Amino acid sequence: MAPSISIAFFSADPVAGKRRPLAGAEELRRRNEELEKEVREATAREQATRAELEKTRERLRVVEEAEERLCAQLGDLEAEAVVQAREFRIQVKALAEELARARSMLGCGAGER
C-alpha cells in the first residue's frame, strides 16, 4: 500500500480551549455527503433502468416469438388459399366445359327440329 498523508483541518478555540473543525473542512465534509447521496441515487436509478431494460428485453422476446408463430400461420393459410384457388379453377373449368357441351347439344337438338 502506498504511503498517505493526513491533514487535519482544526483550529484552536482560545475561549473554550477546544479544537474545532475549520469551516473549509466542514464544507468539504458536507459536499462529500452530498456527493455520496447523489452516487446512491444514481446507482438506484441505474438499477431501476437495468430492471426496466430486462423487462423490455423479455417483452421483445415474447413479441418476436409471437411474430414467428403468426408468420408460420400466415404461410400455412397462404398455401391453403393457393390449393383452394387451384381446386376452384379446376371446378370452374369443368363447369365451363360442361356448359359448352350442354349448349352444343342444345344447338344440335334445335337444328334437328
N, C-alpha and C. Protein backbone atom coordinates (compact mmCIF):
# COMPACT_ATOMS: atom_id res chain seq x y z
N MET A 1 0.84 -1.17 0.00
CA MET A 1 0.00 0.00 0.00
C MET A 1 0.89 1.24 0.00
N ALA A 2 0.51 2.25 -0.73
CA ALA A 2 1.30 3.48 -0.84
C ALA A 2 1.15 4.31 0.42
N PRO A 3 2.19 5.02 0.78
CA PRO A 3 2.08 5.90 1.97
C PRO A 3 1.09 7.01 1.70
N SER A 4 0.42 7.45 2.74
CA SER A 4 -0.54 8.53 2.59
C SER A 4 -0.29 9.59 3.64
N ILE A 5 -0.82 10.75 3.35
CA ILE A 5 -0.67 11.87 4.26
C ILE A 5 -2.05 12.30 4.71
N SER A 6 -2.18 12.56 5.98
CA SER A 6 -3.45 13.03 6.52
C SER A 6 -3.26 14.46 7.00
N ILE A 7 -4.19 15.31 6.63
CA ILE A 7 -4.10 16.71 7.04
C ILE A 7 -5.32 17.02 7.89
N ALA A 8 -5.08 17.51 9.09
CA ALA A 8 -6.18 17.86 9.99
C ALA A 8 -6.57 19.31 9.75
N PHE A 9 -7.86 19.54 9.67
CA PHE A 9 -8.37 20.89 9.46
C PHE A 9 -9.01 21.38 10.75
N PHE A 10 -8.22 21.66 11.73
CA PHE A 10 -8.72 22.14 13.02
C PHE A 10 -8.05 23.46 13.37
N SER A 11 -8.78 24.24 14.12
CA SER A 11 -8.18 25.46 14.66
C SER A 11 -8.43 25.47 16.15
N ALA A 12 -7.56 26.11 16.86
CA ALA A 12 -7.69 26.17 18.32
C ALA A 12 -8.69 27.23 18.70
N ASP A 13 -9.57 26.88 19.60
CA ASP A 13 -10.55 27.84 20.12
C ASP A 13 -10.01 28.33 21.45
N PRO A 14 -9.46 29.55 21.50
CA PRO A 14 -8.81 30.03 22.73
C PRO A 14 -9.80 30.19 23.89
N VAL A 15 -11.04 30.43 23.60
CA VAL A 15 -12.00 30.67 24.67
C VAL A 15 -12.35 29.36 25.38
N ALA A 16 -12.71 28.34 24.62
CA ALA A 16 -13.14 27.08 25.22
C ALA A 16 -11.97 26.14 25.44
N GLY A 17 -10.85 26.40 24.84
CA GLY A 17 -9.71 25.52 24.97
C GLY A 17 -9.88 24.24 24.18
N LYS A 18 -10.80 24.24 23.23
CA LYS A 18 -11.06 23.06 22.41
C LYS A 18 -10.61 23.31 20.98
N ARG A 19 -10.48 22.23 20.29
CA ARG A 19 -10.17 22.35 18.86
C ARG A 19 -11.47 22.15 18.09
N ARG A 20 -11.72 22.98 17.12
CA ARG A 20 -12.92 22.86 16.31
C ARG A 20 -12.53 22.77 14.83
N PRO A 21 -13.34 22.07 14.04
CA PRO A 21 -13.02 21.93 12.61
C PRO A 21 -13.07 23.28 11.92
N LEU A 22 -12.22 23.44 10.96
CA LEU A 22 -12.24 24.65 10.15
C LEU A 22 -13.48 24.66 9.27
N ALA A 23 -13.92 25.81 8.86
CA ALA A 23 -15.10 25.94 8.01
C ALA A 23 -14.90 25.22 6.69
N GLY A 24 -13.73 25.25 6.13
CA GLY A 24 -13.44 24.58 4.87
C GLY A 24 -13.61 23.07 5.00
N ALA A 25 -13.17 22.53 6.12
CA ALA A 25 -13.31 21.08 6.33
C ALA A 25 -14.78 20.71 6.45
N GLU A 26 -15.55 21.52 7.13
CA GLU A 26 -17.00 21.28 7.26
C GLU A 26 -17.65 21.32 5.88
N GLU A 27 -17.25 22.29 5.10
CA GLU A 27 -17.80 22.42 3.75
C GLU A 27 -17.44 21.19 2.92
N LEU A 28 -16.20 20.72 3.02
CA LEU A 28 -15.79 19.52 2.30
C LEU A 28 -16.57 18.29 2.77
N ARG A 29 -16.76 18.16 4.06
CA ARG A 29 -17.49 17.03 4.61
C ARG A 29 -18.95 17.06 4.12
N ARG A 30 -19.55 18.25 4.16
CA ARG A 30 -20.93 18.38 3.69
C ARG A 30 -21.03 18.07 2.19
N ARG A 31 -20.10 18.57 1.43
CA ARG A 31 -20.09 18.32 -0.02
C ARG A 31 -19.89 16.83 -0.30
N ASN A 32 -19.00 16.20 0.48
CA ASN A 32 -18.76 14.77 0.32
C ASN A 32 -20.04 13.98 0.60
N GLU A 33 -20.78 14.36 1.62
CA GLU A 33 -22.04 13.69 1.93
C GLU A 33 -23.05 13.87 0.80
N GLU A 34 -23.10 15.07 0.24
CA GLU A 34 -23.99 15.33 -0.89
C GLU A 34 -23.62 14.46 -2.09
N LEU A 35 -22.31 14.37 -2.37
CA LEU A 35 -21.86 13.56 -3.50
C LEU A 35 -22.17 12.08 -3.27
N GLU A 36 -21.96 11.61 -2.04
CA GLU A 36 -22.29 10.21 -1.74
C GLU A 36 -23.78 9.94 -1.93
N LYS A 37 -24.61 10.90 -1.52
CA LYS A 37 -26.06 10.76 -1.70
C LYS A 37 -26.39 10.70 -3.19
N GLU A 38 -25.77 11.57 -3.98
CA GLU A 38 -26.00 11.57 -5.43
C GLU A 38 -25.57 10.25 -6.06
N VAL A 39 -24.46 9.70 -5.58
CA VAL A 39 -23.99 8.42 -6.11
C VAL A 39 -24.99 7.32 -5.77
N ARG A 40 -25.51 7.31 -4.54
CA ARG A 40 -26.51 6.31 -4.16
C ARG A 40 -27.76 6.44 -5.02
N GLU A 41 -28.20 7.68 -5.23
CA GLU A 41 -29.39 7.90 -6.06
C GLU A 41 -29.14 7.47 -7.51
N ALA A 42 -27.96 7.80 -8.03
CA ALA A 42 -27.63 7.42 -9.41
C ALA A 42 -27.56 5.90 -9.54
N THR A 43 -27.00 5.25 -8.53
CA THR A 43 -26.93 3.79 -8.54
C THR A 43 -28.33 3.19 -8.52
N ALA A 44 -29.21 3.75 -7.70
CA ALA A 44 -30.60 3.26 -7.64
C ALA A 44 -31.29 3.46 -8.98
N ARG A 45 -31.08 4.63 -9.61
CA ARG A 45 -31.68 4.87 -10.93
C ARG A 45 -31.13 3.90 -11.97
N GLU A 46 -29.83 3.64 -11.91
CA GLU A 46 -29.21 2.70 -12.85
C GLU A 46 -29.80 1.31 -12.67
N GLN A 47 -29.97 0.87 -11.43
CA GLN A 47 -30.55 -0.45 -11.18
C GLN A 47 -31.99 -0.50 -11.69
N ALA A 48 -32.75 0.55 -11.48
CA ALA A 48 -34.14 0.60 -11.97
C ALA A 48 -34.16 0.55 -13.50
N THR A 49 -33.24 1.28 -14.12
CA THR A 49 -33.16 1.29 -15.58
C THR A 49 -32.77 -0.08 -16.11
N ARG A 50 -31.84 -0.74 -15.44
CA ARG A 50 -31.45 -2.09 -15.86
C ARG A 50 -32.62 -3.06 -15.73
N ALA A 51 -33.38 -2.94 -14.64
CA ALA A 51 -34.55 -3.82 -14.45
C ALA A 51 -35.57 -3.55 -15.56
N GLU A 52 -35.80 -2.29 -15.89
CA GLU A 52 -36.74 -1.95 -16.96
C GLU A 52 -36.24 -2.47 -18.31
N LEU A 53 -34.93 -2.37 -18.53
CA LEU A 53 -34.35 -2.89 -19.77
C LEU A 53 -34.55 -4.39 -19.86
N GLU A 54 -34.36 -5.09 -18.76
CA GLU A 54 -34.55 -6.54 -18.76
C GLU A 54 -36.02 -6.89 -19.04
N LYS A 55 -36.95 -6.14 -18.47
CA LYS A 55 -38.37 -6.37 -18.75
C LYS A 55 -38.66 -6.13 -20.22
N THR A 56 -38.08 -5.08 -20.78
CA THR A 56 -38.29 -4.75 -22.18
C THR A 56 -37.71 -5.84 -23.08
N ARG A 57 -36.54 -6.36 -22.72
CA ARG A 57 -35.95 -7.45 -23.49
C ARG A 57 -36.86 -8.68 -23.48
N GLU A 58 -37.42 -8.99 -22.32
CA GLU A 58 -38.32 -10.14 -22.21
C GLU A 58 -39.57 -9.93 -23.06
N ARG A 59 -40.13 -8.72 -23.01
CA ARG A 59 -41.31 -8.43 -23.84
C ARG A 59 -40.95 -8.55 -25.32
N LEU A 60 -39.79 -8.07 -25.70
CA LEU A 60 -39.34 -8.17 -27.09
C LEU A 60 -39.21 -9.62 -27.50
N ARG A 61 -38.66 -10.47 -26.64
CA ARG A 61 -38.52 -11.88 -26.95
C ARG A 61 -39.89 -12.52 -27.17
N VAL A 62 -40.85 -12.19 -26.32
CA VAL A 62 -42.20 -12.73 -26.45
C VAL A 62 -42.83 -12.26 -27.76
N VAL A 63 -42.64 -10.99 -28.07
CA VAL A 63 -43.22 -10.44 -29.31
C VAL A 63 -42.59 -11.11 -30.53
N GLU A 64 -41.27 -11.33 -30.49
CA GLU A 64 -40.62 -11.98 -31.63
C GLU A 64 -41.12 -13.40 -31.81
N GLU A 65 -41.32 -14.12 -30.71
CA GLU A 65 -41.86 -15.48 -30.81
C GLU A 65 -43.28 -15.45 -31.38
N ALA A 66 -44.08 -14.50 -30.94
CA ALA A 66 -45.45 -14.37 -31.46
C ALA A 66 -45.42 -14.05 -32.95
N GLU A 67 -44.50 -13.18 -33.35
CA GLU A 67 -44.38 -12.84 -34.77
C GLU A 67 -44.02 -14.07 -35.59
N GLU A 68 -43.10 -14.89 -35.07
CA GLU A 68 -42.72 -16.10 -35.79
C GLU A 68 -43.92 -17.05 -35.93
N ARG A 69 -44.68 -17.19 -34.85
CA ARG A 69 -45.87 -18.07 -34.93
C ARG A 69 -46.87 -17.52 -35.94
N LEU A 70 -47.10 -16.21 -35.92
CA LEU A 70 -48.04 -15.61 -36.86
C LEU A 70 -47.57 -15.76 -38.31
N CYS A 71 -46.28 -15.60 -38.53
CA CYS A 71 -45.74 -15.76 -39.89
C CYS A 71 -45.93 -17.20 -40.37
N ALA A 72 -45.70 -18.16 -39.47
CA ALA A 72 -45.90 -19.57 -39.85
C ALA A 72 -47.36 -19.83 -40.16
N GLN A 73 -48.26 -19.29 -39.34
CA GLN A 73 -49.69 -19.47 -39.59
C GLN A 73 -50.10 -18.80 -40.90
N LEU A 74 -49.57 -17.62 -41.15
CA LEU A 74 -49.88 -16.92 -42.40
C LEU A 74 -49.39 -17.73 -43.60
N GLY A 75 -48.19 -18.31 -43.49
CA GLY A 75 -47.68 -19.15 -44.57
C GLY A 75 -48.58 -20.35 -44.82
N ASP A 76 -49.05 -20.97 -43.73
CA ASP A 76 -49.96 -22.11 -43.87
C ASP A 76 -51.26 -21.69 -44.55
N LEU A 77 -51.79 -20.53 -44.14
CA LEU A 77 -53.04 -20.04 -44.75
C LEU A 77 -52.85 -19.69 -46.22
N GLU A 78 -51.70 -19.11 -46.56
CA GLU A 78 -51.44 -18.79 -47.96
C GLU A 78 -51.36 -20.06 -48.80
N ALA A 79 -50.70 -21.08 -48.27
CA ALA A 79 -50.60 -22.35 -49.00
C ALA A 79 -51.99 -22.96 -49.17
N GLU A 80 -52.80 -22.92 -48.14
CA GLU A 80 -54.17 -23.44 -48.22
C GLU A 80 -54.99 -22.66 -49.23
N ALA A 81 -54.81 -21.33 -49.26
CA ALA A 81 -55.53 -20.49 -50.21
C ALA A 81 -55.15 -20.83 -51.65
N VAL A 82 -53.87 -21.10 -51.87
CA VAL A 82 -53.41 -21.46 -53.22
C VAL A 82 -54.05 -22.78 -53.65
N VAL A 83 -54.07 -23.76 -52.75
CA VAL A 83 -54.68 -25.05 -53.06
C VAL A 83 -56.16 -24.87 -53.38
N GLN A 84 -56.86 -24.09 -52.56
CA GLN A 84 -58.29 -23.85 -52.79
C GLN A 84 -58.52 -23.13 -54.11
N ALA A 85 -57.66 -22.16 -54.42
CA ALA A 85 -57.81 -21.43 -55.69
C ALA A 85 -57.61 -22.37 -56.88
N ARG A 86 -56.63 -23.28 -56.80
CA ARG A 86 -56.41 -24.24 -57.89
C ARG A 86 -57.62 -25.16 -58.04
N GLU A 87 -58.14 -25.65 -56.92
CA GLU A 87 -59.31 -26.52 -56.96
C GLU A 87 -60.52 -25.79 -57.54
N PHE A 88 -60.70 -24.53 -57.14
CA PHE A 88 -61.81 -23.73 -57.65
C PHE A 88 -61.67 -23.51 -59.14
N ARG A 89 -60.44 -23.23 -59.58
CA ARG A 89 -60.21 -23.00 -61.02
C ARG A 89 -60.52 -24.27 -61.82
N ILE A 90 -60.08 -25.42 -61.29
CA ILE A 90 -60.37 -26.69 -61.97
C ILE A 90 -61.88 -26.92 -62.04
N GLN A 91 -62.57 -26.63 -60.94
CA GLN A 91 -64.02 -26.81 -60.91
C GLN A 91 -64.71 -25.87 -61.89
N VAL A 92 -64.28 -24.60 -61.94
CA VAL A 92 -64.87 -23.63 -62.87
C VAL A 92 -64.62 -24.08 -64.31
N LYS A 93 -63.40 -24.57 -64.58
CA LYS A 93 -63.09 -25.03 -65.94
C LYS A 93 -63.97 -26.23 -66.32
N ALA A 94 -64.16 -27.17 -65.37
CA ALA A 94 -65.01 -28.34 -65.64
C ALA A 94 -66.45 -27.91 -65.89
N LEU A 95 -66.95 -26.97 -65.09
CA LEU A 95 -68.31 -26.48 -65.28
C LEU A 95 -68.46 -25.75 -66.61
N ALA A 96 -67.43 -25.00 -67.00
CA ALA A 96 -67.47 -24.29 -68.29
C ALA A 96 -67.52 -25.29 -69.44
N GLU A 97 -66.72 -26.35 -69.32
CA GLU A 97 -66.74 -27.38 -70.37
C GLU A 97 -68.10 -28.08 -70.42
N GLU A 98 -68.67 -28.37 -69.25
CA GLU A 98 -69.98 -29.00 -69.20
C GLU A 98 -71.04 -28.09 -69.80
N LEU A 99 -70.97 -26.81 -69.52
CA LEU A 99 -71.91 -25.84 -70.09
C LEU A 99 -71.76 -25.78 -71.61
N ALA A 100 -70.50 -25.82 -72.07
CA ALA A 100 -70.26 -25.77 -73.52
C ALA A 100 -70.84 -27.01 -74.19
N ARG A 101 -70.68 -28.19 -73.57
CA ARG A 101 -71.26 -29.41 -74.12
C ARG A 101 -72.79 -29.34 -74.14
N ALA A 102 -73.35 -28.82 -73.05
CA ALA A 102 -74.82 -28.70 -72.98
C ALA A 102 -75.32 -27.76 -74.06
N ARG A 103 -74.64 -26.66 -74.27
CA ARG A 103 -75.05 -25.70 -75.32
C ARG A 103 -74.93 -26.32 -76.70
N SER A 104 -73.85 -27.07 -76.88
CA SER A 104 -73.68 -27.69 -78.21
C SER A 104 -74.75 -28.75 -78.44
N MET A 105 -75.13 -29.47 -77.38
CA MET A 105 -76.19 -30.46 -77.52
C MET A 105 -77.52 -29.78 -77.79
N LEU A 106 -77.76 -28.68 -77.11
CA LEU A 106 -78.99 -27.92 -77.34
C LEU A 106 -79.00 -27.30 -78.73
N GLY A 107 -77.84 -26.89 -79.16
CA GLY A 107 -77.75 -26.29 -80.50
C GLY A 107 -78.00 -27.34 -81.56
N CYS A 108 -77.48 -28.52 -81.36
CA CYS A 108 -77.68 -29.61 -82.33
C CYS A 108 -79.14 -30.08 -82.29
N GLY A 109 -79.69 -30.15 -81.11
CA GLY A 109 -81.07 -30.57 -80.98
C GLY A 109 -82.04 -29.56 -81.55
N ALA A 110 -81.73 -28.29 -81.46
CA ALA A 110 -82.60 -27.25 -82.00
C ALA A 110 -82.53 -27.23 -83.51
N GLY A 111 -81.38 -27.58 -84.08
CA GLY A 111 -81.22 -27.59 -85.52
C GLY A 111 -81.94 -28.79 -86.16
N GLU A 112 -82.18 -29.86 -85.43
CA GLU A 112 -82.81 -31.05 -85.97
C GLU A 112 -84.32 -30.89 -86.06
N ARG A 113 -84.95 -29.99 -85.42
CA ARG A 113 -86.40 -29.82 -85.44
C ARG A 113 -86.89 -29.31 -86.71
